[in-house]
Amino acid sequence: MQYNFKVSKEEKEKIFHTDFVKYGVRHDKAAKAAKILAAGKAEELWTEEEKKLVTQVCQQWLMNHKRYKKLQEHMDL
């Protein structure tokens, strides 16, 4: 069964921001990146500054998320 839920821009922004901060991204950077991502604008239309910020934030999130998952694996042994 498939559900179609409409998520508002504000809710998307909160979700992105919460997850970024959860995995160690600074609050101010997380807020800016979340706003950019939630806006839904095509990446081709982002400024160089927006691209750089989102890339940095996502890389930091990914690194810390992987670290967390690896720790979880070791704790479950």
N, C-alpha and C. Protein backbone atom coordinates (compact mmCIF):
# COMPACT_ATOMS: atom_id res chain seq x y z
N MET A 1 0.84 -1.18 0.00
CA MET A 1 0.00 0.00 0.00
C MET A 1 0.89 1.23 0.00
N GLN A 2 0.49 2.21 -0.77
CA GLN A 2 1.30 3.42 -0.89
C GLN A 2 0.48 4.62 -0.42
N TYR A 3 1.11 5.47 0.39
CA TYR A 3 0.45 6.65 0.90
C TYR A 3 1.12 7.89 0.32
N ASN A 4 0.33 8.88 0.04
CA ASN A 4 0.87 10.16 -0.42
C ASN A 4 0.58 11.21 0.64
N PHE A 5 1.63 11.64 1.31
CA PHE A 5 1.50 12.65 2.34
C PHE A 5 2.10 13.94 1.85
N LYS A 6 1.41 15.02 2.07
CA LYS A 6 1.95 16.34 1.73
C LYS A 6 2.68 16.87 2.96
N VAL A 7 3.92 17.22 2.77
CA VAL A 7 4.73 17.78 3.85
C VAL A 7 5.03 19.22 3.49
N SER A 8 4.71 20.11 4.41
CA SER A 8 4.92 21.53 4.13
C SER A 8 6.42 21.85 4.09
N LYS A 9 6.73 22.97 3.48
CA LYS A 9 8.10 23.44 3.40
C LYS A 9 8.69 23.61 4.80
N GLU A 10 7.89 24.15 5.70
CA GLU A 10 8.34 24.38 7.08
C GLU A 10 8.66 23.05 7.77
N GLU A 11 7.81 22.04 7.55
CA GLU A 11 8.02 20.74 8.17
C GLU A 11 9.27 20.07 7.60
N LYS A 12 9.47 20.18 6.29
CA LYS A 12 10.69 19.64 5.66
C LYS A 12 11.92 20.30 6.27
N GLU A 13 11.84 21.60 6.44
CA GLU A 13 12.97 22.34 7.01
C GLU A 13 13.28 21.85 8.43
N LYS A 14 12.26 21.63 9.22
CA LYS A 14 12.44 21.12 10.59
C LYS A 14 13.07 19.74 10.58
N ILE A 15 12.63 18.89 9.67
CA ILE A 15 13.16 17.53 9.58
C ILE A 15 14.64 17.55 9.22
N PHE A 16 14.99 18.30 8.17
CA PHE A 16 16.39 18.42 7.78
C PHE A 16 17.23 18.97 8.92
N HIS A 17 16.77 20.06 9.51
CA HIS A 17 17.52 20.73 10.58
C HIS A 17 17.75 19.79 11.75
N THR A 18 16.71 19.11 12.18
CA THR A 18 16.81 18.19 13.32
C THR A 18 17.83 17.09 13.04
N ASP A 19 17.77 16.51 11.87
CA ASP A 19 18.69 15.42 11.54
C ASP A 19 20.12 15.92 11.42
N PHE A 20 20.33 17.08 10.84
CA PHE A 20 21.67 17.63 10.75
C PHE A 20 22.26 17.85 12.14
N VAL A 21 21.50 18.48 13.02
CA VAL A 21 21.99 18.77 14.37
C VAL A 21 22.21 17.48 15.15
N LYS A 22 21.32 16.51 14.96
CA LYS A 22 21.45 15.22 15.65
C LYS A 22 22.80 14.58 15.37
N TYR A 23 23.31 14.77 14.17
CA TYR A 23 24.58 14.17 13.78
C TYR A 23 25.74 15.17 13.75
N GLY A 24 25.66 16.19 14.59
CA GLY A 24 26.82 17.02 14.87
C GLY A 24 27.06 18.25 14.02
N VAL A 25 26.12 18.61 13.16
CA VAL A 25 26.29 19.83 12.36
C VAL A 25 25.93 21.02 13.25
N ARG A 26 26.73 22.07 13.18
CA ARG A 26 26.45 23.29 13.97
C ARG A 26 25.07 23.82 13.64
N HIS A 27 24.41 24.33 14.65
CA HIS A 27 23.03 24.82 14.52
C HIS A 27 22.86 25.84 13.40
N ASP A 28 23.74 26.80 13.31
CA ASP A 28 23.59 27.86 12.31
C ASP A 28 23.73 27.32 10.88
N LYS A 29 24.72 26.46 10.67
CA LYS A 29 24.90 25.86 9.34
C LYS A 29 23.74 24.92 9.01
N ALA A 30 23.30 24.17 9.99
CA ALA A 30 22.18 23.24 9.79
C ALA A 30 20.92 24.00 9.38
N ALA A 31 20.68 25.13 10.02
CA ALA A 31 19.49 25.92 9.72
C ALA A 31 19.53 26.47 8.28
N LYS A 32 20.68 26.96 7.88
CA LYS A 32 20.81 27.52 6.52
C LYS A 32 20.66 26.43 5.46
N ALA A 33 21.32 25.30 5.67
CA ALA A 33 21.25 24.20 4.70
C ALA A 33 19.84 23.62 4.64
N ALA A 34 19.20 23.50 5.79
CA ALA A 34 17.84 22.98 5.83
C ALA A 34 16.88 23.88 5.05
N LYS A 35 17.06 25.17 5.20
CA LYS A 35 16.21 26.13 4.48
C LYS A 35 16.39 25.99 2.96
N ILE A 36 17.63 25.84 2.53
CA ILE A 36 17.92 25.69 1.10
C ILE A 36 17.29 24.41 0.56
N LEU A 37 17.51 23.30 1.28
CA LEU A 37 17.00 22.02 0.82
C LEU A 37 15.47 21.96 0.83
N ALA A 38 14.86 22.53 1.85
CA ALA A 38 13.40 22.49 1.96
C ALA A 38 12.71 23.37 0.93
N ALA A 39 13.42 24.36 0.42
CA ALA A 39 12.83 25.28 -0.55
C ALA A 39 12.43 24.56 -1.84
N GLY A 40 13.11 23.46 -2.14
CA GLY A 40 12.76 22.68 -3.32
C GLY A 40 13.25 23.25 -4.63
N LYS A 41 14.10 24.25 -4.55
CA LYS A 41 14.65 24.87 -5.76
C LYS A 41 15.66 23.90 -6.39
N ALA A 42 15.69 23.81 -7.70
CA ALA A 42 16.63 22.93 -8.40
C ALA A 42 18.06 23.32 -8.06
N GLU A 43 18.92 22.32 -7.90
CA GLU A 43 20.32 22.59 -7.55
C GLU A 43 21.01 23.48 -8.56
N GLU A 44 20.61 23.40 -9.80
CA GLU A 44 21.22 24.22 -10.84
C GLU A 44 20.98 25.71 -10.61
N LEU A 45 19.98 26.02 -9.81
CA LEU A 45 19.65 27.42 -9.54
C LEU A 45 20.27 27.94 -8.24
N TRP A 46 20.95 27.07 -7.51
CA TRP A 46 21.59 27.49 -6.27
C TRP A 46 22.81 28.35 -6.58
N THR A 47 23.11 29.28 -5.69
CA THR A 47 24.33 30.07 -5.81
C THR A 47 25.52 29.18 -5.44
N GLU A 48 26.72 29.62 -5.78
CA GLU A 48 27.92 28.85 -5.42
C GLU A 48 28.03 28.71 -3.90
N GLU A 49 27.66 29.77 -3.19
CA GLU A 49 27.71 29.75 -1.73
C GLU A 49 26.74 28.70 -1.17
N GLU A 50 25.53 28.63 -1.74
CA GLU A 50 24.55 27.63 -1.30
C GLU A 50 25.05 26.22 -1.59
N LYS A 51 25.61 26.01 -2.77
CA LYS A 51 26.15 24.69 -3.12
C LYS A 51 27.24 24.27 -2.15
N LYS A 52 28.15 25.19 -1.86
CA LYS A 52 29.25 24.90 -0.96
C LYS A 52 28.75 24.56 0.45
N LEU A 53 27.82 25.35 0.95
CA LEU A 53 27.28 25.14 2.29
C LEU A 53 26.56 23.79 2.38
N VAL A 54 25.67 23.51 1.44
CA VAL A 54 24.91 22.26 1.47
C VAL A 54 25.85 21.07 1.35
N THR A 55 26.85 21.17 0.49
CA THR A 55 27.81 20.08 0.33
C THR A 55 28.57 19.84 1.63
N GLN A 56 29.05 20.90 2.27
CA GLN A 56 29.78 20.76 3.53
C GLN A 56 28.90 20.14 4.62
N VAL A 57 27.69 20.63 4.73
CA VAL A 57 26.78 20.14 5.77
C VAL A 57 26.44 18.67 5.53
N CYS A 58 26.14 18.32 4.29
CA CYS A 58 25.79 16.94 3.97
C CYS A 58 26.97 15.99 4.16
N GLN A 59 28.18 16.45 3.83
CA GLN A 59 29.36 15.62 4.05
C GLN A 59 29.61 15.39 5.53
N GLN A 60 29.44 16.44 6.32
CA GLN A 60 29.62 16.29 7.77
C GLN A 60 28.56 15.36 8.34
N TRP A 61 27.32 15.53 7.90
CA TRP A 61 26.23 14.66 8.35
C TRP A 61 26.54 13.21 8.01
N LEU A 62 26.97 12.95 6.77
CA LEU A 62 27.25 11.59 6.33
C LEU A 62 28.39 10.97 7.13
N MET A 63 29.45 11.71 7.35
CA MET A 63 30.59 11.20 8.11
C MET A 63 30.15 10.82 9.53
N ASN A 64 29.41 11.70 10.18
CA ASN A 64 28.97 11.43 11.55
C ASN A 64 27.90 10.34 11.61
N HIS A 65 27.06 10.26 10.60
CA HIS A 65 26.04 9.21 10.54
C HIS A 65 26.70 7.85 10.40
N LYS A 66 27.70 7.76 9.52
CA LYS A 66 28.43 6.50 9.35
C LYS A 66 29.13 6.11 10.65
N ARG A 67 29.74 7.08 11.33
CA ARG A 67 30.41 6.81 12.60
C ARG A 67 29.41 6.27 13.62
N TYR A 68 28.26 6.88 13.69
CA TYR A 68 27.21 6.45 14.62
C TYR A 68 26.78 5.01 14.32
N LYS A 69 26.54 4.71 13.03
CA LYS A 69 26.10 3.36 12.64
C LYS A 69 27.17 2.32 12.98
N LYS A 70 28.43 2.67 12.78
CA LYS A 70 29.52 1.75 13.09
C LYS A 70 29.58 1.49 14.59
N LEU A 71 29.40 2.52 15.38
CA LEU A 71 29.37 2.35 16.83
C LEU A 71 28.20 1.48 17.26
N GLN A 72 27.06 1.69 16.62
CA GLN A 72 25.88 0.87 16.94
C GLN A 72 26.15 -0.61 16.64
N GLU A 73 26.82 -0.89 15.52
CA GLU A 73 27.15 -2.27 15.16
C GLU A 73 28.02 -2.91 16.24
N HIS A 74 29.02 -2.17 16.72
CA HIS A 74 29.92 -2.71 17.73
C HIS A 74 29.23 -2.90 19.08
N MET A 75 28.28 -2.05 19.38
CA MET A 75 27.56 -2.17 20.64
C MET A 75 26.56 -3.33 20.62
N ASP A 76 26.09 -3.69 19.44
CA ASP A 76 25.12 -4.77 19.31
C ASP A 76 25.75 -6.15 19.35
N LEU A 77 27.08 -6.20 19.32
CA LEU A 77 27.76 -7.49 19.31
C LEU A 77 27.62 -8.20 20.60
